[in-house]
């Protein structure tokens, strides 16, 4: 059974989605590119919509996506969004989880996902 099949059999939704995310973002530089690119996407979209500034929205989207595409180029794979449409929503949520973990919060589902992928020790 390959890793994708094994991840697909995880019953807990959050654990499964985090495992899918981590599997597509194993390279720390790719994950770092998402930790920068996704906030740029969201921040410029919100600021641009609040101020009705179309150039800010377009520019922010271009920069945010470019940063993430560079990360996937480093990783050597296609963005998960092209494989699983739910990644459009899950990507930002998984980045939020990782940011909160950097601030000291811990999530059991994230630890279990890392164990499934062999990225953590019990």
Protein backbone atom coordinates (compact mmCIF):
# COMPACT_ATOMS: atom_id res chain seq x y z
CA UNK A 1 0.00 0.00 0.00
CA UNK A 2 1.47 3.36 -0.97
CA UNK A 3 1.54 6.42 1.29
CA UNK A 4 -1.44 8.14 -0.38
CA UNK A 5 -3.62 5.05 0.17
CA UNK A 6 -2.43 4.82 3.78
CA UNK A 7 -3.23 8.51 4.37
CA UNK A 8 -6.63 8.08 2.70
CA UNK A 9 -7.54 5.42 5.25
CA UNK A 10 -7.04 7.73 8.24
CA UNK A 11 -10.49 8.14 9.78
CA UNK A 12 -9.97 11.44 11.62
CA UNK A 13 -10.61 14.28 9.13
CA UNK A 14 -8.03 16.74 10.54
CA UNK A 15 -5.33 14.09 10.92
CA UNK A 16 -5.93 12.88 7.35
CA UNK A 17 -5.90 16.39 5.86
CA UNK A 18 -2.75 17.38 7.77
CA UNK A 19 -1.07 14.15 6.62
CA UNK A 20 -2.00 14.94 3.00
CA UNK A 21 -0.64 18.47 3.45
CA UNK A 22 2.62 17.30 5.05
CA UNK A 23 3.12 14.61 2.42
CA UNK A 24 3.00 17.24 -0.33
CA UNK A 25 5.17 19.66 1.67
CA UNK A 26 7.99 17.53 3.11
CA UNK A 27 10.73 19.98 2.20
CA UNK A 28 11.10 22.65 4.91
CA UNK A 29 11.70 25.32 2.25
CA UNK A 30 8.42 24.43 0.57
CA UNK A 31 6.56 24.67 3.89
CA UNK A 32 8.33 27.97 4.61
CA UNK A 33 7.24 29.30 1.21
CA UNK A 34 3.64 28.54 2.18
CA UNK A 35 4.08 30.14 5.61
CA UNK A 36 4.93 33.35 3.72
CA UNK A 37 2.91 32.99 0.52
CA UNK A 38 -0.47 32.13 2.04
CA UNK A 39 -0.50 35.08 4.49
CA UNK A 40 0.51 37.36 1.59
CA UNK A 41 -2.42 36.00 -0.45
CA UNK A 42 -4.94 36.39 2.35
CA UNK A 43 -3.63 39.68 3.71
CA UNK A 44 -3.51 41.47 0.39
CA UNK A 45 -6.92 40.10 -0.60
CA UNK A 46 -8.51 41.38 2.61
CA UNK A 47 -6.71 44.74 2.48
CA UNK A 48 -7.44 45.15 -1.22
CA UNK A 49 -11.12 44.36 -0.79
CA UNK A 50 -11.42 46.63 2.24
CA UNK A 51 -9.91 49.55 0.34
CA UNK A 52 -11.23 48.55 -3.09
CA UNK A 53 -7.65 48.50 -4.34
CA UNK A 54 -7.56 46.15 -7.31
CA UNK A 55 -3.80 46.53 -7.98
CA UNK A 56 -3.10 45.45 -4.37
CA UNK A 57 -5.27 42.37 -4.81
CA UNK A 58 -3.73 41.40 -8.16
CA UNK A 59 -0.18 42.14 -7.05
CA UNK A 60 -0.62 40.29 -3.76
CA UNK A 61 -2.08 37.26 -5.51
CA UNK A 62 0.76 37.20 -8.03
CA UNK A 63 3.43 37.46 -5.32
CA UNK A 64 1.74 35.00 -2.95
CA UNK A 65 1.26 32.34 -5.62
CA UNK A 66 4.76 32.87 -7.02
CA UNK A 67 6.30 32.28 -3.58
CA UNK A 68 4.37 29.03 -3.20
CA UNK A 69 5.17 27.85 -6.73
CA UNK A 70 8.87 28.38 -6.01
CA UNK A 71 8.43 26.16 -2.94
CA UNK A 72 6.83 23.42 -5.03
CA UNK A 73 9.59 23.75 -7.60
CA UNK A 74 12.09 23.15 -4.79
CA UNK A 75 9.99 20.21 -3.55
CA UNK A 76 9.73 18.80 -7.06
CA UNK A 77 5.97 18.31 -7.13
CA UNK A 78 2.81 20.00 -8.30
CA UNK A 79 0.75 22.06 -5.84
CA UNK A 80 -1.76 19.96 -3.90
CA UNK A 81 -4.50 22.30 -5.12
CA UNK A 82 -4.10 20.77 -8.57
CA UNK A 83 -4.59 17.28 -7.13
CA UNK A 84 -7.28 17.80 -4.48
CA UNK A 85 -9.62 20.79 -4.68
CA UNK A 86 -10.17 20.78 -0.90
CA UNK A 87 -6.53 21.91 -0.62
CA UNK A 88 -7.73 25.40 -1.55
CA UNK A 89 -9.28 25.57 1.93
CA UNK A 90 -7.05 23.16 3.79
CA UNK A 91 -3.75 24.78 2.78
CA UNK A 92 -4.42 28.00 4.72
CA UNK A 93 -5.77 26.03 7.69
CA UNK A 94 -2.72 23.76 7.78
CA UNK A 95 -0.41 26.78 7.60
CA UNK A 96 -2.35 28.26 10.53
CA UNK A 97 -1.79 25.04 12.48
CA UNK A 98 1.94 25.22 11.80
CA UNK A 99 2.09 28.89 12.80
CA UNK A 100 0.23 28.17 16.03
CA UNK A 101 2.63 25.30 16.73
CA UNK A 102 5.55 27.71 16.35
CA UNK A 103 3.85 29.81 19.04
CA UNK A 104 3.78 26.81 21.37
CA UNK A 105 0.35 25.28 20.78
CA UNK A 106 0.17 21.53 20.21
CA UNK A 107 -2.38 19.56 18.23
CA UNK A 108 -2.73 15.81 18.72
CA UNK A 109 -4.03 15.29 15.18
CA UNK A 110 -0.90 16.98 13.79
CA UNK A 111 1.39 14.78 15.87
CA UNK A 112 -0.49 11.64 14.76
CA UNK A 113 -0.21 12.76 11.11
CA UNK A 114 3.54 13.24 11.49
CA UNK A 115 3.85 9.79 13.05
CA UNK A 116 1.93 8.26 10.13
CA UNK A 117 4.39 9.82 7.70
CA UNK A 118 7.44 8.96 9.77
CA UNK A 119 8.17 12.65 10.41
CA UNK A 120 8.03 12.38 14.20
CA UNK A 121 8.86 9.98 17.00
CA UNK A 122 6.31 8.56 19.44
